[in-house]
Amino acid sequence: MKRWGFFAKDDYHLVAKIVFNLTLPGAIISSFRGFQLEYSLLSLVLIGLLVNFILIMFALAMTRNKENVDKILYIFAMAGYNIGNFTLLFVQSFLGSFGVSYPLYV
């Protein structure tokens, strides 16, 4: 849309503010409509914490004799699958809470 002249170069900051300050919180709030806590799904949180802890320990073991900069890079790179933290809200709005965790039940 910038190529067509609809947005100027400086409009990026305005659009980013709208998305991060209005759209994302609105999506989070609307995802809680009809929310029912299922305690069995809290086990997924524990599994996620355990897996991340294992990945951090693995990254530290791999970089035992390296500099701190390399250790930090490996720790962040090991947990790169966490893109789900940003997409779960949108996927859940389309598929519901069981749609997000469906592969675990199959």
PDB file of N, CA and C in Angstrom:
ATOM      1  N   MET A   1       0.825  -1.192   0.000  1.00  0.00           N
ATOM      2  CA  MET A   1       0.000   0.000   0.000  1.00  0.00           C
ATOM      3  C   MET A   1       0.868   1.254   0.000  1.00  0.00           C
ATOM      4  N   LYS A   2       2.116   1.103   0.470  1.00  0.00           N
ATOM      5  CA  LYS A   2       3.029   2.235   0.436  1.00  0.00           C
ATOM      6  C   LYS A   2       3.390   2.593  -1.006  1.00  0.00           C
ATOM      7  N   ARG A   3       3.496   1.567  -1.862  1.00  0.00           N
ATOM      8  CA  ARG A   3       3.814   1.819  -3.265  1.00  0.00           C
ATOM      9  C   ARG A   3       2.708   2.572  -3.975  1.00  0.00           C
ATOM     10  N   TRP A   4       1.491   2.351  -3.560  1.00  0.00           N
ATOM     11  CA  TRP A   4       0.351   3.009  -4.205  1.00  0.00           C
ATOM     12  C   TRP A   4       0.108   4.410  -3.655  1.00  0.00           C
ATOM     13  N   GLY A   5       0.886   4.812  -2.650  1.00  0.00           N
ATOM     14  CA  GLY A   5       0.735   6.144  -2.088  1.00  0.00           C
ATOM     15  C   GLY A   5      -0.262   6.238  -0.961  1.00  0.00           C
ATOM     16  N   PHE A   6      -0.760   5.095  -0.495  1.00  0.00           N
ATOM     17  CA  PHE A   6      -1.730   5.117   0.606  1.00  0.00           C
ATOM     18  C   PHE A   6      -1.049   5.424   1.936  1.00  0.00           C
ATOM     19  N   PHE A   7       0.176   4.894   2.115  1.00  0.00           N
ATOM     20  CA  PHE A   7       0.953   5.156   3.321  1.00  0.00           C
ATOM     21  C   PHE A   7       2.236   5.858   2.945  1.00  0.00           C
ATOM     22  N   ALA A   8       2.689   6.742   3.837  1.00  0.00           N
ATOM     23  CA  ALA A   8       3.998   7.387   3.676  1.00  0.00           C
ATOM     24  C   ALA A   8       5.030   6.596   4.489  1.00  0.00           C
ATOM     25  N   LYS A   9       6.310   6.968   4.347  1.00  0.00           N
ATOM     26  CA  LYS A   9       7.355   6.267   5.086  1.00  0.00           C
ATOM     27  C   LYS A   9       7.159   6.363   6.593  1.00  0.00           C
ATOM     28  N   ASP A  10       6.721   7.490   7.068  1.00  0.00           N
ATOM     29  CA  ASP A  10       6.583   7.715   8.508  1.00  0.00           C
ATOM     30  C   ASP A  10       5.325   7.083   9.094  1.00  0.00           C
ATOM     31  N   ASP A  11       4.431   6.586   8.269  1.00  0.00           N
ATOM     32  CA  ASP A  11       3.198   5.984   8.768  1.00  0.00           C
ATOM     33  C   ASP A  11       3.421   4.632   9.432  1.00  0.00           C
ATOM     34  N   TYR A  12       4.608   4.062   9.265  1.00  0.00           N
ATOM     35  CA  TYR A  12       4.910   2.766   9.869  1.00  0.00           C
ATOM     36  C   TYR A  12       4.720   2.812  11.384  1.00  0.00           C
ATOM     37  N   HIS A  13       5.176   3.878  12.012  1.00  0.00           N
ATOM     38  CA  HIS A  13       5.081   3.982  13.466  1.00  0.00           C
ATOM     39  C   HIS A  13       3.620   4.048  13.915  1.00  0.00           C
ATOM     40  N   LEU A  14       2.796   4.755  13.177  1.00  0.00           N
ATOM     41  CA  LEU A  14       1.386   4.853  13.524  1.00  0.00           C
ATOM     42  C   LEU A  14       0.693   3.499  13.375  1.00  0.00           C
ATOM     43  N   VAL A  15       0.955   2.812  12.282  1.00  0.00           N
ATOM     44  CA  VAL A  15       0.337   1.505  12.056  1.00  0.00           C
ATOM     45  C   VAL A  15       0.817   0.513  13.101  1.00  0.00           C
ATOM     46  N   ALA A  16       2.096   0.548  13.458  1.00  0.00           N
ATOM     47  CA  ALA A  16       2.621  -0.356  14.479  1.00  0.00           C
ATOM     48  C   ALA A  16       1.966  -0.079  15.825  1.00  0.00           C
ATOM     49  N   LYS A  17       1.760   1.184  16.159  1.00  0.00           N
ATOM     50  CA  LYS A  17       1.092   1.524  17.423  1.00  0.00           C
ATOM     51  C   LYS A  17      -0.345   1.025  17.431  1.00  0.00           C
ATOM     52  N   ILE A  18      -1.030   1.174  16.309  1.00  0.00           N
ATOM     53  CA  ILE A  18      -2.416   0.702  16.235  1.00  0.00           C
ATOM     54  C   ILE A  18      -2.477  -0.809  16.406  1.00  0.00           C
ATOM     55  N   VAL A  19      -1.588  -1.526  15.732  1.00  0.00           N
ATOM     56  CA  VAL A  19      -1.609  -2.985  15.798  1.00  0.00           C
ATOM     57  C   VAL A  19      -1.263  -3.467  17.201  1.00  0.00           C
ATOM     58  N   PHE A  20      -0.194  -2.942  17.776  1.00  0.00           N
ATOM     59  CA  PHE A  20       0.263  -3.443  19.068  1.00  0.00           C
ATOM     60  C   PHE A  20      -0.542  -2.907  20.251  1.00  0.00           C
ATOM     61  N   ASN A  21      -1.115  -1.729  20.143  1.00  0.00           N
ATOM     62  CA  ASN A  21      -1.838  -1.148  21.268  1.00  0.00           C
ATOM     63  C   ASN A  21      -3.346  -1.336  21.199  1.00  0.00           C
ATOM     64  N   LEU A  22      -3.888  -1.608  20.014  1.00  0.00           N
ATOM     65  CA  LEU A  22      -5.336  -1.780  19.890  1.00  0.00           C
ATOM     66  C   LEU A  22      -5.733  -3.172  19.399  1.00  0.00           C
ATOM     67  N   THR A  23      -5.168  -3.591  18.278  1.00  0.00           N
ATOM     68  CA  THR A  23      -5.593  -4.843  17.656  1.00  0.00           C
ATOM     69  C   THR A  23      -5.202  -6.059  18.487  1.00  0.00           C
ATOM     70  N   LEU A  24      -3.945  -6.147  18.910  1.00  0.00           N
ATOM     71  CA  LEU A  24      -3.494  -7.304  19.671  1.00  0.00           C
ATOM     72  C   LEU A  24      -4.194  -7.417  21.023  1.00  0.00           C
ATOM     73  N   PRO A  25      -4.296  -6.342  21.831  1.00  0.00           N
ATOM     74  CA  PRO A  25      -5.063  -6.474  23.070  1.00  0.00           C
ATOM     75  C   PRO A  25      -6.538  -6.803  22.818  1.00  0.00           C
ATOM     76  N   GLY A  26      -7.096  -6.271  21.749  1.00  0.00           N
ATOM     77  CA  GLY A  26      -8.488  -6.606  21.420  1.00  0.00           C
ATOM     78  C   GLY A  26      -8.656  -8.071  21.090  1.00  0.00           C
ATOM     79  N   ALA A  27      -7.695  -8.637  20.366  1.00  0.00           N
ATOM     80  CA  ALA A  27      -7.751 -10.068  20.055  1.00  0.00           C
ATOM     81  C   ALA A  27      -7.621 -10.914  21.312  1.00  0.00           C
ATOM     82  N   ILE A  28      -6.763 -10.484  22.218  1.00  0.00           N
ATOM     83  CA  ILE A  28      -6.600 -11.225  23.472  1.00  0.00           C
ATOM     84  C   ILE A  28      -7.869 -11.159  24.305  1.00  0.00           C
ATOM     85  N   ILE A  29      -8.444  -9.988  24.428  1.00  0.00           N
ATOM     86  CA  ILE A  29      -9.664  -9.833  25.231  1.00  0.00           C
ATOM     87  C   ILE A  29     -10.811 -10.601  24.611  1.00  0.00           C
ATOM     88  N   SER A  30     -10.967 -10.536  23.299  1.00  0.00           N
ATOM     89  CA  SER A  30     -12.080 -11.244  22.664  1.00  0.00           C
ATOM     90  C   SER A  30     -11.899 -12.752  22.710  1.00  0.00           C
ATOM     91  N   SER A  31     -10.659 -13.232  22.839  1.00  0.00           N
ATOM     92  CA  SER A  31     -10.454 -14.682  22.933  1.00  0.00           C
ATOM     93  C   SER A  31     -10.924 -15.233  24.271  1.00  0.00           C
ATOM     94  N   PHE A  32     -11.096 -14.380  25.279  1.00  0.00           N
ATOM     95  CA  PHE A  32     -11.585 -14.831  26.577  1.00  0.00           C
ATOM     96  C   PHE A  32     -13.107 -14.888  26.667  1.00  0.00           C
ATOM     97  N   ARG A  33     -13.788 -14.521  25.595  1.00  0.00           N
ATOM     98  CA  ARG A  33     -15.254 -14.604  25.596  1.00  0.00           C
ATOM     99  C   ARG A  33     -15.654 -16.074  25.655  1.00  0.00           C
ATOM    100  N   GLY A  34     -16.427 -16.444  26.620  1.00  0.00           N
ATOM    101  CA  GLY A  34     -16.858 -17.826  26.770  1.00  0.00           C
ATOM    102  C   GLY A  34     -15.752 -18.733  27.278  1.00  0.00           C
ATOM    103  N   PHE A  35     -14.764 -18.166  27.946  1.00  0.00           N
ATOM    104  CA  PHE A  35     -13.614 -18.934  28.425  1.00  0.00           C
ATOM    105  C   PHE A  35     -14.002 -19.821  29.594  1.00  0.00           C
ATOM    106  N   GLN A  36     -13.602 -21.072  29.512  1.00  0.00           N
ATOM    107  CA  GLN A  36     -13.788 -22.018  30.612  1.00  0.00           C
ATOM    108  C   GLN A  36     -12.440 -22.683  30.854  1.00  0.00           C
ATOM    109  N   LEU A  37     -11.941 -22.544  32.065  1.00  0.00           N
ATOM    110  CA  LEU A  37     -10.637 -23.103  32.396  1.00  0.00           C
ATOM    111  C   LEU A  37     -10.744 -24.614  32.530  1.00  0.00           C
ATOM    112  N   GLU A  38      -9.907 -25.306  31.794  1.00  0.00           N
ATOM    113  CA  GLU A  38      -9.838 -26.754  31.896  1.00  0.00           C
ATOM    114  C   GLU A  38      -8.492 -27.098  32.510  1.00  0.00           C
ATOM    115  N   TYR A  39      -8.533 -27.620  33.709  1.00  0.00           N
ATOM    116  CA  TYR A  39      -7.307 -27.855  34.460  1.00  0.00           C
ATOM    117  C   TYR A  39      -6.420 -28.909  33.812  1.00  0.00           C
ATOM    118  N   SER A  40      -6.987 -29.771  33.005  1.00  0.00           N
ATOM    119  CA  SER A  40      -6.167 -30.783  32.346  1.00  0.00           C
ATOM    120  C   SER A  40      -5.206 -30.154  31.337  1.00  0.00           C
ATOM    121  N   LEU A  41      -5.559 -29.002  30.796  1.00  0.00           N
ATOM    122  CA  LEU A  41      -4.695 -28.338  29.823  1.00  0.00           C
ATOM    123  C   LEU A  41      -3.521 -27.619  30.483  1.00  0.00           C
ATOM    124  N   LEU A  42      -3.575 -27.453  31.812  1.00  0.00           N
ATOM    125  CA  LEU A  42      -2.454 -26.836  32.509  1.00  0.00           C
ATOM    126  C   LEU A  42      -1.213 -27.735  32.471  1.00  0.00           C
ATOM    127  N   SER A  43      -1.426 -29.005  32.208  1.00  0.00           N
ATOM    128  CA  SER A  43      -0.276 -29.902  32.071  1.00  0.00           C
ATOM    129  C   SER A  43       0.579 -29.503  30.876  1.00  0.00           C
ATOM    130  N   LEU A  44      -0.021 -28.887  29.866  1.00  0.00           N
ATOM    131  CA  LEU A  44       0.744 -28.414  28.709  1.00  0.00           C
ATOM    132  C   LEU A  44       1.737 -27.334  29.110  1.00  0.00           C
ATOM    133  N   VAL A  45       1.357 -26.501  30.078  1.00  0.00           N
ATOM    134  CA  VAL A  45       2.264 -25.470  30.565  1.00  0.00           C
ATOM    135  C   VAL A  45       3.467 -26.118  31.239  1.00  0.00           C
ATOM    136  N   LEU A  46       3.218 -27.117  32.056  1.00  0.00           N
ATOM    137  CA  LEU A  46       4.311 -27.813  32.733  1.00  0.00           C
ATOM    138  C   LEU A  46       5.226 -28.522  31.742  1.00  0.00           C
ATOM    139  N   ILE A  47       4.641 -29.127  30.725  1.00  0.00           N
ATOM    140  CA  ILE A  47       5.449 -29.785  29.691  1.00  0.00           C
ATOM    141  C   ILE A  47       6.306 -28.759  28.959  1.00  0.00           C
ATOM    142  N   GLY A  48       5.733 -27.599  28.640  1.00  0.00           N
ATOM    143  CA  GLY A  48       6.480 -26.547  27.959  1.00  0.00           C
ATOM    144  C   GLY A  48       7.636 -26.024  28.799  1.00  0.00           C
ATOM    145  N   LEU A  49       7.400 -25.831  30.096  1.00  0.00           N
ATOM    146  CA  LEU A  49       8.471 -25.381  30.981  1.00  0.00           C
ATOM    147  C   LEU A  49       9.581 -26.417  31.073  1.00  0.00           C
ATOM    148  N   LEU A  50       9.203 -27.671  31.193  1.00  0.00           N
ATOM    149  CA  LEU A  50      10.188 -28.745  31.287  1.00  0.00           C
ATOM    150  C   LEU A  50      11.026 -28.847  30.012  1.00  0.00           C
ATOM    151  N   VAL A  51      10.376 -28.789  28.865  1.00  0.00           N
ATOM    152  CA  VAL A  51      11.102 -28.882  27.601  1.00  0.00           C
ATOM    153  C   VAL A  51      12.043 -27.701  27.422  1.00  0.00           C
ATOM    154  N   ASN A  52      11.598 -26.505  27.779  1.00  0.00           N
ATOM    155  CA  ASN A  52      12.478 -25.340  27.662  1.00  0.00           C
ATOM    156  C   ASN A  52      13.669 -25.441  28.605  1.00  0.00           C
ATOM    157  N   PHE A  53      13.436 -25.943  29.809  1.00  0.00           N
ATOM    158  CA  PHE A  53      14.547 -26.128  30.745  1.00  0.00           C
ATOM    159  C   PHE A  53      15.556 -27.122  30.186  1.00  0.00           C
ATOM    160  N   ILE A  54      15.075 -28.206  29.606  1.00  0.00           N
ATOM    161  CA  ILE A  54      15.970 -29.199  29.001  1.00  0.00           C
ATOM    162  C   ILE A  54      16.763 -28.586  27.849  1.00  0.00           C
ATOM    163  N   LEU A  55      16.100 -27.775  27.023  1.00  0.00           N
ATOM    164  CA  LEU A  55      16.792 -27.132  25.900  1.00  0.00           C
ATOM    165  C   LEU A  55      17.853 -26.146  26.368  1.00  0.00           C
ATOM    166  N   ILE A  56      17.566 -25.421  27.438  1.00  0.00           N
ATOM    167  CA  ILE A  56      18.552 -24.485  27.978  1.00  0.00           C
ATOM    168  C   ILE A  56      19.758 -25.245  28.506  1.00  0.00           C
ATOM    169  N   MET A  57      19.515 -26.330  29.230  1.00  0.00           N
ATOM    170  CA  MET A  57      20.624 -27.138  29.748  1.00  0.00           C
ATOM    171  C   MET A  57      21.442 -27.749  28.603  1.00  0.00           C
ATOM    172  N   PHE A  58      20.767 -28.184  27.550  1.00  0.00           N
ATOM    173  CA  PHE A  58      21.450 -28.741  26.384  1.00  0.00           C
ATOM    174  C   PHE A  58      22.315 -27.677  25.711  1.00  0.00           C
ATOM    175  N   ALA A  59      21.783 -26.458  25.582  1.00  0.00           N
ATOM    176  CA  ALA A  59      22.550 -25.366  24.967  1.00  0.00           C
ATOM    177  C   ALA A  59      23.756 -25.010  25.822  1.00  0.00           C
ATOM    178  N   LEU A  60      23.599 -25.004  27.131  1.00  0.00           N
ATOM    179  CA  LEU A  60      24.730 -24.709  28.004  1.00  0.00           C
ATOM    180  C   LEU A  60      25.787 -25.811  27.936  1.00  0.00           C
ATOM    181  N   ALA A  61      25.353 -27.055  27.802  1.00  0.00           N
ATOM    182  CA  ALA A  61      26.309 -28.155  27.682  1.00  0.00           C
ATOM    183  C   ALA A  61      27.071 -28.073  26.360  1.00  0.00           C
ATOM    184  N   MET A  62      26.398 -27.662  25.310  1.00  0.00           N
ATOM    185  CA  MET A  62      27.060 -27.551  23.998  1.00  0.00           C
ATOM    186  C   MET A  62      28.080 -26.419  23.969  1.00  0.00           C
ATOM    187  N   THR A  63      27.865 -25.393  24.763  1.00  0.00           N
ATOM    188  CA  THR A  63      28.732 -24.216  24.741  1.00  0.00           C
ATOM    189  C   THR A  63      29.528 -24.100  26.037  1.00  0.00           C
ATOM    190  N   ARG A  64      29.874 -25.220  26.611  1.00  0.00           N
ATOM    191  CA  ARG A  64      30.564 -25.243  27.900  1.00  0.00           C
ATOM    192  C   ARG A  64      31.862 -24.433  27.870  1.00  0.00           C
ATOM    193  N   ASN A  65      32.641 -24.536  26.824  1.00  0.00           N
ATOM    194  CA  ASN A  65      33.942 -23.869  26.754  1.00  0.00           C
ATOM    195  C   ASN A  65      33.929 -22.645  25.852  1.00  0.00           C
ATOM    196  N   LYS A  66      32.775 -22.100  25.575  1.00  0.00           N
ATOM    197  CA  LYS A  66      32.683 -20.942  24.687  1.00  0.00           C
ATOM    198  C   LYS A  66      32.383 -19.682  25.487  1.00  0.00           C
ATOM    199  N   GLU A  67      32.398 -18.554  24.796  1.00  0.00           N
ATOM    200  CA  GLU A  67      32.143 -17.262  25.445  1.00  0.00           C
ATOM    201  C   GLU A  67      30.659 -17.106  25.769  1.00  0.00           C
ATOM    202  N   ASN A  68      30.356 -16.140  26.626  1.00  0.00           N
ATOM    203  CA  ASN A  68      28.972 -15.903  27.049  1.00  0.00           C
ATOM    204  C   ASN A  68      28.081 -15.497  25.883  1.00  0.00           C
ATOM    205  N   VAL A  69      28.632 -14.777  24.910  1.00  0.00           N
ATOM    206  CA  VAL A  69      27.844 -14.356  23.749  1.00  0.00           C
ATOM    207  C   VAL A  69      27.349 -15.586  22.986  1.00  0.00           C
ATOM    208  N   ASP A  70      28.207 -16.568  22.828  1.00  0.00           N
ATOM    209  CA  ASP A  70      27.809 -17.799  22.138  1.00  0.00           C
ATOM    210  C   ASP A  70      26.774 -18.578  22.949  1.00  0.00           C
ATOM    211  N   LYS A  71      26.940 -18.587  24.274  1.00  0.00           N
ATOM    212  CA  LYS A  71      25.975 -19.286  25.130  1.00  0.00           C
ATOM    213  C   LYS A  71      24.581 -18.681  24.986  1.00  0.00           C
ATOM    214  N   ILE A  72      24.528 -17.356  25.002  1.00  0.00           N
ATOM    215  CA  ILE A  72      23.233 -16.682  24.877  1.00  0.00           C
ATOM    216  C   ILE A  72      22.615 -16.963  23.516  1.00  0.00           C
ATOM    217  N   LEU A  73      23.413 -16.928  22.468  1.00  0.00           N
ATOM    218  CA  LEU A  73      22.910 -17.212  21.124  1.00  0.00           C
ATOM    219  C   LEU A  73      22.330 -18.624  21.049  1.00  0.00           C
ATOM    220  N   TYR A  74      23.026 -19.592  21.592  1.00  0.00           N
ATOM    221  CA  TYR A  74      22.536 -20.969  21.566  1.00  0.00           C
ATOM    222  C   TYR A  74      21.253 -21.126  22.376  1.00  0.00           C
ATOM    223  N   ILE A  75      21.183 -20.470  23.526  1.00  0.00           N
ATOM    224  CA  ILE A  75      19.973 -20.572  24.355  1.00  0.00           C
ATOM    225  C   ILE A  75      18.768 -20.017  23.612  1.00  0.00           C
ATOM    226  N   PHE A  76      18.933 -18.858  22.981  1.00  0.00           N
ATOM    227  CA  PHE A  76      17.813 -18.280  22.240  1.00  0.00           C
ATOM    228  C   PHE A  76      17.469 -19.094  21.006  1.00  0.00           C
ATOM    229  N   ALA A  77      18.460 -19.654  20.338  1.00  0.00           N
ATOM    230  CA  ALA A  77      18.215 -20.421  19.124  1.00  0.00           C
ATOM    231  C   ALA A  77      17.546 -21.762  19.437  1.00  0.00           C
ATOM    232  N   MET A  78      17.849 -22.342  20.567  1.00  0.00           N
ATOM    233  CA  MET A  78      17.254 -23.635  20.933  1.00  0.00           C
ATOM    234  C   MET A  78      15.739 -23.527  21.125  1.00  0.00           C
ATOM    235  N   ALA A  79      15.288 -22.429  21.659  1.00  0.00           N
ATOM    236  CA  ALA A  79      13.861 -22.270  21.922  1.00  0.00           C
ATOM    237  C   ALA A  79      13.166 -21.510  20.798  1.00  0.00           C
ATOM    238  N   GLY A  80      13.662 -21.605  19.578  1.00  0.00           N
ATOM    239  CA  GLY A  80      13.100 -20.871  18.455  1.00  0.00           C
ATOM    240  C   GLY A  80      11.726 -21.336  18.027  1.00  0.00           C
ATOM    241  N   TYR A  81      11.275 -22.484  18.514  1.00  0.00           N
ATOM    242  CA  TYR A  81       9.959 -22.983  18.133  1.00  0.00           C
ATOM    243  C   TYR A  81       8.838 -22.215  18.826  1.00  0.00           C
ATOM    244  N   ASN A  82       9.149 -21.260  19.680  1.00  0.00           N
ATOM    245  CA  ASN A  82       8.143 -20.552  20.462  1.00  0.00           C
ATOM    246  C   ASN A  82       7.338 -19.538  19.657  1.00  0.00           C
ATOM    247  N   ILE A  83       7.341 -19.651  18.354  1.00  0.00           N
ATOM    248  CA  ILE A  83       6.499 -18.786  17.539  1.00  0.00           C
ATOM    249  C   ILE A  83       5.032 -18.999  17.897  1.00  0.00           C
ATOM    250  N   GLY A  84       4.733 -20.140  18.488  1.00  0.00           N
ATOM    251  CA  GLY A  84       3.373 -20.439  18.913  1.00  0.00           C
ATOM    252  C   GLY A  84       2.843 -19.462  19.945  1.00  0.00           C
ATOM    253  N   ASN A  85       3.726 -18.812  20.693  1.00  0.00           N
ATOM    254  CA  ASN A  85       3.267 -17.835  21.674  1.00  0.00           C
ATOM    255  C   ASN A  85       2.514 -16.689  21.016  1.00  0.00           C
ATOM    256  N   PHE A  86       2.851 -16.391  19.782  1.00  0.00           N
ATOM    257  CA  PHE A  86       2.206 -15.288  19.093  1.00  0.00           C
ATOM    258  C   PHE A  86       1.011 -15.739  18.251  1.00  0.00           C
ATOM    259  N   THR A  87       1.012 -16.979  17.829  1.00  0.00           N
ATOM    260  CA  THR A  87      -0.048 -17.441  16.943  1.00  0.00           C
ATOM    261  C   THR A  87      -1.162 -18.193  17.656  1.00  0.00           C
ATOM    262  N   LEU A  88      -0.930 -18.633  18.876  1.00  0.00           N
ATOM    263  CA  LEU A  88      -1.945 -19.426  19.576  1.00  0.00           C
ATOM    264  C   LEU A  88      -3.258 -18.672  19.751  1.00  0.00           C
ATOM    265  N   LEU A  89      -3.183 -17.389  20.019  1.00  0.00           N
ATOM    266  CA  LEU A  89      -4.409 -16.613  20.209  1.00  0.00           C
ATOM    267  C   LEU A  89      -5.260 -16.596  18.941  1.00  0.00           C
ATOM    268  N   PHE A  90      -4.620 -16.441  17.804  1.00  0.00           N
ATOM    269  CA  PHE A  90      -5.356 -16.397  16.551  1.00  0.00           C
ATOM    270  C   PHE A  90      -5.867 -17.768  16.150  1.00  0.00           C
ATOM    271  N   VAL A  91      -5.049 -18.803  16.346  1.00  0.00           N
ATOM    272  CA  VAL A  91      -5.483 -20.161  16.033  1.00  0.00           C
ATOM    273  C   VAL A  91      -6.642 -20.565  16.940  1.00  0.00           C
ATOM    274  N   GLN A  92      -6.558 -20.183  18.207  1.00  0.00           N
ATOM    275  CA  GLN A  92      -7.615 -20.531  19.153  1.00  0.00           C
ATOM    276  C   GLN A  92      -8.924 -19.830  18.799  1.00  0.00           C
ATOM    277  N   SER A  93      -8.854 -18.638  18.240  1.00  0.00           N
ATOM    278  CA  SER A  93     -10.092 -17.949  17.872  1.00  0.00           C
ATOM    279  C   SER A  93     -10.800 -18.652  16.722  1.00  0.00           C
ATOM    280  N   PHE A  94     -10.051 -19.361  15.860  1.00  0.00           N
ATOM    281  CA  PHE A  94     -10.656 -20.095  14.757  1.00  0.00           C
ATOM    282  C   PHE A  94     -11.049 -21.514  15.142  1.00  0.00           C
ATOM    283  N   LEU A  95     -10.180 -22.197  15.898  1.00  0.00           N
ATOM    284  CA  LEU A  95     -10.377 -23.621  16.161  1.00  0.00           C
ATOM    285  C   LEU A  95     -10.837 -23.941  17.579  1.00  0.00           C
ATOM    286  N   GLY A  96     -10.782 -22.989  18.479  1.00  0.00           N
ATOM    287  CA  GLY A  96     -11.154 -23.251  19.852  1.00  0.00           C
ATOM    288  C   GLY A  96      -9.976 -23.823  20.630  1.00  0.00           C
ATOM    289  N   SER A  97     -10.182 -24.006  21.936  1.00  0.00           N
ATOM    290  CA  SER A  97      -9.075 -24.440  22.783  1.00  0.00           C
ATOM    291  C   SER A  97      -8.630 -25.856  22.465  1.00  0.00           C
ATOM    292  N   PHE A  98      -9.542 -26.735  22.082  1.00  0.00           N
ATOM    293  CA  PHE A  98      -9.136 -28.090  21.741  1.00  0.00           C
ATOM    294  C   PHE A  98      -8.491 -28.157  20.365  1.00  0.00           C
ATOM    295  N   GLY A  99      -8.768 -27.201  19.512  1.00  0.00           N
ATOM    296  CA  GLY A  99      -8.124 -27.175  18.201  1.00  0.00           C
ATOM    297  C   GLY A  99      -6.638 -26.881  18.298  1.00  0.00           C
ATOM    298  N   VAL A 100      -6.258 -26.104  19.308  1.00  0.00           N
ATOM    299  CA  VAL A 100      -4.856 -25.779  19.504  1.00  0.00           C
ATOM    300  C   VAL A 100      -4.089 -26.995  20.020  1.00  0.00           C
ATOM    301  N   SER A 101      -4.694 -27.738  20.924  1.00  0.00           N
ATOM    302  CA  SER A 101      -4.007 -28.885  21.528  1.00  0.00           C
ATOM    303  C   SER A 101      -4.405 -30.206  20.878  1.00  0.00           C
ATOM    304  N   TYR A 102      -5.122 -30.174  19.776  1.00  0.00           N
ATOM    305  CA  TYR A 102      -5.611 -31.395  19.125  1.00  0.00           C
ATOM    306  C   TYR A 102      -4.519 -32.402  18.796  1.00  0.00           C
ATOM    307  N   PRO A 103      -3.340 -31.967  18.285  1.00  0.00           N
ATOM    308  CA  PRO A 103      -2.310 -32.968  17.964  1.00  0.00           C
ATOM    309  C   PRO A 103      -1.877 -33.783  19.163  1.00  0.00           C
ATOM    310  N   LEU A 104      -2.044 -33.288  20.376  1.00  0.00           N
ATOM    311  CA  LEU A 104      -1.670 -34.045  21.558  1.00  0.00           C
ATOM    312  C   LEU A 104      -2.644 -35.186  21.828  1.00  0.00           C
ATOM    313  N   TYR A 105      -3.881 -35.047  21.368  1.00  0.00           N
ATOM    314  CA  TYR A 105      -4.886 -36.053  21.633  1.00  0.00           C
ATOM    315  C   TYR A 105      -4.942 -37.130  20.554  1.00  0.00           C
ATOM    316  N   VAL A 106      -4.303 -36.878  19.430  1.00  0.00           N
ATOM    317  CA  VAL A 106      -4.370 -37.824  18.308  1.00  0.00           C
ATOM    318  C   VAL A 106      -3.439 -38.982  18.525  1.00  0.00           C
TER     319      VAL A 106
END
